[in-house]
């Protein structure tokens, strides 16, 4: 389990510096400062569904563990 968590952490750490902007968005942004802002916005929009799913999964496991301990 620890190896799996460590592997996921390493993969996520390696992807932090990636550019999430397509060529059309970069050309439309024009200036480099606006392009950085659009790039960060794309990353935030991309991360939101994953965070919601992770919270739902953690909530499910917490509920299941609590229900199992109440039955004992």
PDB file of N, CA and C in Angstrom:
ATOM      1  N   UNK A   1       0.832  -1.193   0.000  1.00  0.00           N
ATOM      2  CA  UNK A   1       0.000   0.000   0.000  1.00  0.00           C
ATOM      3  C   UNK A   1       0.875   1.254   0.000  1.00  0.00           C
ATOM      4  N   UNK A   2       1.925   1.230   0.809  1.00  0.00           N
ATOM      5  CA  UNK A   2       2.826   2.381   0.877  1.00  0.00           C
ATOM      6  C   UNK A   2       3.524   2.597  -0.456  1.00  0.00           C
ATOM      7  N   UNK A   3       3.886   1.505  -1.121  1.00  0.00           N
ATOM      8  CA  UNK A   3       4.533   1.629  -2.429  1.00  0.00           C
ATOM      9  C   UNK A   3       3.600   2.278  -3.442  1.00  0.00           C
ATOM     10  N   UNK A   4       2.329   1.922  -3.382  1.00  0.00           N
ATOM     11  CA  UNK A   4       1.343   2.479  -4.312  1.00  0.00           C
ATOM     12  C   UNK A   4       1.168   3.979  -4.077  1.00  0.00           C
ATOM     13  N   UNK A   5       1.066   4.376  -2.817  1.00  0.00           N
ATOM     14  CA  UNK A   5       0.919   5.796  -2.487  1.00  0.00           C
ATOM     15  C   UNK A   5       2.167   6.564  -2.901  1.00  0.00           C
ATOM     16  N   UNK A   6       3.338   5.983  -2.662  1.00  0.00           N
ATOM     17  CA  UNK A   6       4.585   6.633  -3.054  1.00  0.00           C
ATOM     18  C   UNK A   6       4.670   6.787  -4.566  1.00  0.00           C
ATOM     19  N   UNK A   7       4.272   5.769  -5.302  1.00  0.00           N
ATOM     20  CA  UNK A   7       4.292   5.832  -6.763  1.00  0.00           C
ATOM     21  C   UNK A   7       3.343   6.908  -7.280  1.00  0.00           C
ATOM     22  N   UNK A   8       2.156   6.991  -6.724  1.00  0.00           N
ATOM     23  CA  UNK A   8       1.197   8.022  -7.132  1.00  0.00           C
ATOM     24  C   UNK A   8       1.753   9.406  -6.808  1.00  0.00           C
ATOM     25  N   UNK A   9       2.379   9.554  -5.655  1.00  0.00           N
ATOM     26  CA  UNK A   9       2.982  10.837  -5.291  1.00  0.00           C
ATOM     27  C   UNK A   9       4.093  11.246  -6.240  1.00  0.00           C
ATOM     28  N   UNK A  10       4.918  10.306  -6.632  1.00  0.00           N
ATOM     29  CA  UNK A  10       6.008  10.609  -7.567  1.00  0.00           C
ATOM     30  C   UNK A  10       5.448  11.003  -8.925  1.00  0.00           C
ATOM     31  N   UNK A  11       4.452  10.279  -9.411  1.00  0.00           N
ATOM     32  CA  UNK A  11       3.854  10.604 -10.711  1.00  0.00           C
ATOM     33  C   UNK A  11       3.220  11.988 -10.679  1.00  0.00           C
ATOM     34  N   UNK A  12       2.498  12.295  -9.602  1.00  0.00           N
ATOM     35  CA  UNK A  12       1.886  13.624  -9.487  1.00  0.00           C
ATOM     36  C   UNK A  12       2.945  14.707  -9.391  1.00  0.00           C
ATOM     37  N   UNK A  13       4.027  14.437  -8.697  1.00  0.00           N
ATOM     38  CA  UNK A  13       5.105  15.414  -8.572  1.00  0.00           C
ATOM     39  C   UNK A  13       5.800  15.691  -9.893  1.00  0.00           C
ATOM     40  N   UNK A  14       5.915  14.681 -10.734  1.00  0.00           N
ATOM     41  CA  UNK A  14       6.564  14.856 -12.026  1.00  0.00           C
ATOM     42  C   UNK A  14       5.710  15.648 -13.001  1.00  0.00           C
ATOM     43  N   UNK A  15       4.411  15.648 -12.810  1.00  0.00           N
ATOM     44  CA  UNK A  15       3.527  16.324 -13.759  1.00  0.00           C
ATOM     45  C   UNK A  15       3.244  17.778 -13.389  1.00  0.00           C
ATOM     46  N   UNK A  16       3.804  18.269 -12.278  1.00  0.00           N
ATOM     47  CA  UNK A  16       3.508  19.643 -11.867  1.00  0.00           C
ATOM     48  C   UNK A  16       4.010  20.683 -12.865  1.00  0.00           C
ATOM     49  N   UNK A  17       5.115  20.432 -13.515  1.00  0.00           N
ATOM     50  CA  UNK A  17       5.677  21.423 -14.419  1.00  0.00           C
ATOM     51  C   UNK A  17       5.150  21.356 -15.841  1.00  0.00           C
ATOM     52  N   UNK A  18       4.214  20.493 -16.128  1.00  0.00           N
ATOM     53  CA  UNK A  18       3.701  20.352 -17.489  1.00  0.00           C
ATOM     54  C   UNK A  18       2.828  21.543 -17.884  1.00  0.00           C
ATOM     55  N   UNK A  19       2.841  21.846 -19.143  1.00  0.00           N
ATOM     56  CA  UNK A  19       2.004  22.912 -19.674  1.00  0.00           C
ATOM     57  C   UNK A  19       0.652  22.327 -20.059  1.00  0.00           C
ATOM     58  N   UNK A  20      -0.430  22.975 -19.624  1.00  0.00           N
ATOM     59  CA  UNK A  20      -1.764  22.459 -19.900  1.00  0.00           C
ATOM     60  C   UNK A  20      -2.481  23.315 -20.929  1.00  0.00           C
ATOM     61  N   UNK A  21      -1.733  23.976 -21.765  1.00  0.00           N
ATOM     62  CA  UNK A  21      -2.335  24.926 -22.682  1.00  0.00           C
ATOM     63  C   UNK A  21      -2.169  24.450 -24.117  1.00  0.00           C
ATOM     64  N   UNK A  22      -3.244  24.512 -24.867  1.00  0.00           N
ATOM     65  CA  UNK A  22      -3.139  24.129 -26.270  1.00  0.00           C
ATOM     66  C   UNK A  22      -2.571  25.294 -27.083  1.00  0.00           C
ATOM     67  N   UNK A  23      -2.207  25.025 -28.305  1.00  0.00           N
ATOM     68  CA  UNK A  23      -1.601  26.035 -29.162  1.00  0.00           C
ATOM     69  C   UNK A  23      -2.570  27.181 -29.434  1.00  0.00           C
ATOM     70  N   UNK A  24      -3.838  26.881 -29.642  1.00  0.00           N
ATOM     71  CA  UNK A  24      -4.830  27.923 -29.927  1.00  0.00           C
ATOM     72  C   UNK A  24      -4.972  28.870 -28.739  1.00  0.00           C
ATOM     73  N   UNK A  25      -4.985  28.330 -27.532  1.00  0.00           N
ATOM     74  CA  UNK A  25      -5.117  29.189 -26.350  1.00  0.00           C
ATOM     75  C   UNK A  25      -3.887  30.066 -26.187  1.00  0.00           C
ATOM     76  N   UNK A  26      -2.713  29.516 -26.438  1.00  0.00           N
ATOM     77  CA  UNK A  26      -1.478  30.299 -26.302  1.00  0.00           C
ATOM     78  C   UNK A  26      -1.469  31.459 -27.305  1.00  0.00           C
ATOM     79  N   UNK A  27      -1.883  31.202 -28.519  1.00  0.00           N
ATOM     80  CA  UNK A  27      -1.915  32.255 -29.536  1.00  0.00           C
ATOM     81  C   UNK A  27      -2.962  33.313 -29.193  1.00  0.00           C
ATOM     82  N   UNK A  28      -4.087  32.901 -28.643  1.00  0.00           N
ATOM     83  CA  UNK A  28      -5.138  33.857 -28.287  1.00  0.00           C
ATOM     84  C   UNK A  28      -4.723  34.711 -27.104  1.00  0.00           C
ATOM     85  N   UNK A  29      -3.947  34.146 -26.193  1.00  0.00           N
ATOM     86  CA  UNK A  29      -3.522  34.899 -25.010  1.00  0.00           C
ATOM     87  C   UNK A  29      -2.508  35.968 -25.378  1.00  0.00           C
ATOM     88  N   UNK A  30      -1.638  35.678 -26.314  1.00  0.00           N
ATOM     89  CA  UNK A  30      -0.681  36.667 -26.771  1.00  0.00           C
ATOM     90  C   UNK A  30       0.469  36.865 -25.804  1.00  0.00           C
ATOM     91  N   UNK A  31       0.304  37.725 -24.828  1.00  0.00           N
ATOM     92  CA  UNK A  31       1.381  38.045 -23.894  1.00  0.00           C
ATOM     93  C   UNK A  31       1.681  36.857 -22.989  1.00  0.00           C
ATOM     94  N   UNK A  32       2.917  36.772 -22.555  1.00  0.00           N
ATOM     95  CA  UNK A  32       3.342  35.646 -21.715  1.00  0.00           C
ATOM     96  C   UNK A  32       2.651  35.663 -20.353  1.00  0.00           C
ATOM     97  N   UNK A  33       2.398  36.831 -19.791  1.00  0.00           N
ATOM     98  CA  UNK A  33       1.764  36.893 -18.467  1.00  0.00           C
ATOM     99  C   UNK A  33       0.317  36.411 -18.530  1.00  0.00           C
ATOM    100  N   UNK A  34      -0.388  36.759 -19.595  1.00  0.00           N
ATOM    101  CA  UNK A  34      -1.755  36.263 -19.742  1.00  0.00           C
ATOM    102  C   UNK A  34      -1.761  34.764 -20.017  1.00  0.00           C
ATOM    103  N   UNK A  35      -0.776  34.286 -20.761  1.00  0.00           N
ATOM    104  CA  UNK A  35      -0.693  32.860 -21.058  1.00  0.00           C
ATOM    105  C   UNK A  35      -0.470  32.060 -19.783  1.00  0.00           C
ATOM    106  N   UNK A  36       0.328  32.587 -18.860  1.00  0.00           N
ATOM    107  CA  UNK A  36       0.557  31.897 -17.585  1.00  0.00           C
ATOM    108  C   UNK A  36      -0.743  31.835 -16.789  1.00  0.00           C
ATOM    109  N   UNK A  37      -1.507  32.916 -16.783  1.00  0.00           N
ATOM    110  CA  UNK A  37      -2.785  32.935 -16.074  1.00  0.00           C
ATOM    111  C   UNK A  37      -3.783  31.945 -16.645  1.00  0.00           C
ATOM    112  N   UNK A  38      -3.861  31.883 -17.965  1.00  0.00           N
ATOM    113  CA  UNK A  38      -4.769  30.931 -18.608  1.00  0.00           C
ATOM    114  C   UNK A  38      -4.320  29.504 -18.305  1.00  0.00           C
ATOM    115  N   UNK A  39      -3.015  29.293 -18.329  1.00  0.00           N
ATOM    116  CA  UNK A  39      -2.467  27.976 -18.044  1.00  0.00           C
ATOM    117  C   UNK A  39      -2.837  27.515 -16.636  1.00  0.00           C
ATOM    118  N   UNK A  40      -2.699  28.378 -15.664  1.00  0.00           N
ATOM    119  CA  UNK A  40      -3.055  28.033 -14.286  1.00  0.00           C
ATOM    120  C   UNK A  40      -4.553  27.786 -14.155  1.00  0.00           C
ATOM    121  N   UNK A  41      -5.367  28.561 -14.853  1.00  0.00           N
ATOM    122  CA  UNK A  41      -6.808  28.358 -14.828  1.00  0.00           C
ATOM    123  C   UNK A  41      -7.209  27.004 -15.372  1.00  0.00           C
ATOM    124  N   UNK A  42      -6.549  26.590 -16.446  1.00  0.00           N
ATOM    125  CA  UNK A  42      -6.823  25.275 -17.025  1.00  0.00           C
ATOM    126  C   UNK A  42      -6.469  24.175 -16.032  1.00  0.00           C
ATOM    127  N   UNK A  43      -5.349  24.324 -15.336  1.00  0.00           N
ATOM    128  CA  UNK A  43      -4.947  23.317 -14.350  1.00  0.00           C
ATOM    129  C   UNK A  43      -5.939  23.246 -13.199  1.00  0.00           C
ATOM    130  N   UNK A  44      -6.429  24.381 -12.722  1.00  0.00           N
ATOM    131  CA  UNK A  44      -7.422  24.377 -11.640  1.00  0.00           C
ATOM    132  C   UNK A  44      -8.715  23.705 -12.090  1.00  0.00           C
ATOM    133  N   UNK A  45      -9.167  24.016 -13.293  1.00  0.00           N
ATOM    134  CA  UNK A  45     -10.390  23.396 -13.801  1.00  0.00           C
ATOM    135  C   UNK A  45     -10.223  21.895 -14.001  1.00  0.00           C
ATOM    136  N   UNK A  46      -9.026  21.481 -14.350  1.00  0.00           N
ATOM    137  CA  UNK A  46      -8.767  20.065 -14.554  1.00  0.00           C
ATOM    138  C   UNK A  46      -8.715  19.323 -13.213  1.00  0.00           C
ATOM    139  N   UNK A  47      -8.218  19.964 -12.165  1.00  0.00           N
ATOM    140  CA  UNK A  47      -8.043  19.301 -10.872  1.00  0.00           C
ATOM    141  C   UNK A  47      -9.348  19.174 -10.093  1.00  0.00           C
ATOM    142  N   UNK A  48     -10.305  20.046 -10.308  1.00  0.00           N
ATOM    143  CA  UNK A  48     -11.530  20.058  -9.507  1.00  0.00           C
ATOM    144  C   UNK A  48     -12.299  18.732  -9.541  1.00  0.00           C
ATOM    145  N   UNK A  49     -12.567  18.131 -10.690  1.00  0.00           N
ATOM    146  CA  UNK A  49     -13.303  16.859 -10.673  1.00  0.00           C
ATOM    147  C   UNK A  49     -12.550  15.736  -9.951  1.00  0.00           C
ATOM    148  N   UNK A  50     -11.223  15.738 -10.067  1.00  0.00           N
ATOM    149  CA  UNK A  50     -10.440  14.720  -9.374  1.00  0.00           C
ATOM    150  C   UNK A  50     -10.523  14.895  -7.861  1.00  0.00           C
ATOM    151  N   UNK A  51     -10.509  16.127  -7.400  1.00  0.00           N
ATOM    152  CA  UNK A  51     -10.623  16.379  -5.961  1.00  0.00           C
ATOM    153  C   UNK A  51     -12.000  15.973  -5.436  1.00  0.00           C
ATOM    154  N   UNK A  52     -13.036  16.236  -6.201  1.00  0.00           N
ATOM    155  CA  UNK A  52     -14.385  15.846  -5.785  1.00  0.00           C
ATOM    156  C   UNK A  52     -14.494  14.322  -5.716  1.00  0.00           C
ATOM    157  N   UNK A  53     -13.961  13.633  -6.708  1.00  0.00           N
ATOM    158  CA  UNK A  53     -14.016  12.170  -6.703  1.00  0.00           C
ATOM    159  C   UNK A  53     -13.180  11.592  -5.562  1.00  0.00           C
ATOM    160  N   UNK A  54     -12.038  12.173  -5.277  1.00  0.00           N
ATOM    161  CA  UNK A  54     -11.207  11.699  -4.173  1.00  0.00           C
ATOM    162  C   UNK A  54     -11.933  11.890  -2.845  1.00  0.00           C
ATOM    163  N   UNK A  55     -12.598  13.027  -2.660  1.00  0.00           N
ATOM    164  CA  UNK A  55     -13.350  13.266  -1.428  1.00  0.00           C
ATOM    165  C   UNK A  55     -14.502  12.281  -1.302  1.00  0.00           C
ATOM    166  N   UNK A  56     -15.184  11.981  -2.395  1.00  0.00           N
ATOM    167  CA  UNK A  56     -16.288  11.015  -2.353  1.00  0.00           C
ATOM    168  C   UNK A  56     -15.778   9.619  -2.020  1.00  0.00           C
ATOM    169  N   UNK A  57     -14.652   9.242  -2.586  1.00  0.00           N
ATOM    170  CA  UNK A  57     -14.072   7.932  -2.313  1.00  0.00           C
ATOM    171  C   UNK A  57     -13.630   7.822  -0.858  1.00  0.00           C
ATOM    172  N   UNK A  58     -12.968   8.845  -0.347  1.00  0.00           N
ATOM    173  CA  UNK A  58     -12.559   8.840   1.057  1.00  0.00           C
ATOM    174  C   UNK A  58     -13.776   8.802   1.983  1.00  0.00           C
ATOM    175  N   UNK A  59     -14.813   9.536   1.644  1.00  0.00           N
ATOM    176  CA  UNK A  59     -16.031   9.515   2.436  1.00  0.00           C
ATOM    177  C   UNK A  59     -16.682   8.143   2.450  1.00  0.00           C
ATOM    178  N   UNK A  60     -16.673   7.473   1.312  1.00  0.00           N
ATOM    179  CA  UNK A  60     -17.246   6.134   1.228  1.00  0.00           C
ATOM    180  C   UNK A  60     -16.477   5.158   2.121  1.00  0.00           C
ATOM    181  N   UNK A  61     -15.135   5.190   2.025  1.00  0.00           N
ATOM    182  CA  UNK A  61     -14.335   4.283   2.848  1.00  0.00           C
ATOM    183  C   UNK A  61     -14.480   4.601   4.333  1.00  0.00           C
ATOM    184  N   UNK A  62     -14.570   5.875   4.671  1.00  0.00           N
ATOM    185  CA  UNK A  62     -14.772   6.267   6.069  1.00  0.00           C
ATOM    186  C   UNK A  62     -16.118   5.746   6.572  1.00  0.00           C
ATOM    187  N   UNK A  63     -17.158   5.901   5.761  1.00  0.00           N
ATOM    188  CA  UNK A  63     -18.496   5.423   6.119  1.00  0.00           C
ATOM    189  C   UNK A  63     -18.507   3.906   6.299  1.00  0.00           C
ATOM    190  N   UNK A  64     -17.875   3.211   5.374  1.00  0.00           N
ATOM    191  CA  UNK A  64     -17.846   1.749   5.439  1.00  0.00           C
ATOM    192  C   UNK A  64     -17.097   1.252   6.675  1.00  0.00           C
ATOM    193  N   UNK A  65     -15.977   1.897   6.989  1.00  0.00           N
ATOM    194  CA  UNK A  65     -15.220   1.499   8.178  1.00  0.00           C
ATOM    195  C   UNK A  65     -16.005   1.795   9.451  1.00  0.00           C
ATOM    196  N   UNK A  66     -16.684   2.929   9.482  1.00  0.00           N
ATOM    197  CA  UNK A  66     -17.466   3.296  10.656  1.00  0.00           C
ATOM    198  C   UNK A  66     -18.656   2.347  10.841  1.00  0.00           C
ATOM    199  N   UNK A  67     -19.296   1.971   9.743  1.00  0.00           N
ATOM    200  CA  UNK A  67     -20.421   1.053   9.797  1.00  0.00           C
ATOM    201  C   UNK A  67     -19.970  -0.331  10.266  1.00  0.00           C
ATOM    202  N   UNK A  68     -18.796  -0.764   9.808  1.00  0.00           N
ATOM    203  CA  UNK A  68     -18.272  -2.065  10.182  1.00  0.00           C
ATOM    204  C   UNK A  68     -17.892  -2.086  11.663  1.00  0.00           C
ATOM    205  N   UNK A  69     -17.306  -0.999  12.173  1.00  0.00           N
ATOM    206  CA  UNK A  69     -16.920  -0.962  13.581  1.00  0.00           C
ATOM    207  C   UNK A  69     -18.147  -0.852  14.491  1.00  0.00           C
ATOM    208  N   UNK A  70     -19.227  -0.245  14.009  1.00  0.00           N
ATOM    209  CA  UNK A  70     -20.455  -0.153  14.803  1.00  0.00           C
ATOM    210  C   UNK A  70     -21.137  -1.522  14.903  1.00  0.00           C
ATOM    211  N   UNK A  71     -20.973  -2.349  13.877  1.00  0.00           N
ATOM    212  CA  UNK A  71     -21.593  -3.670  13.884  1.00  0.00           C
ATOM    213  C   UNK A  71     -20.889  -4.618  14.843  1.00  0.00           C
ATOM    214  N   UNK A  72     -19.608  -4.359  15.109  1.00  0.00           N
ATOM    215  CA  UNK A  72     -18.849  -5.247  16.015  1.00  0.00           C
ATOM    216  C   UNK A  72     -19.137  -4.994  17.435  1.00  0.00           C
TER     217      UNK A  72
END
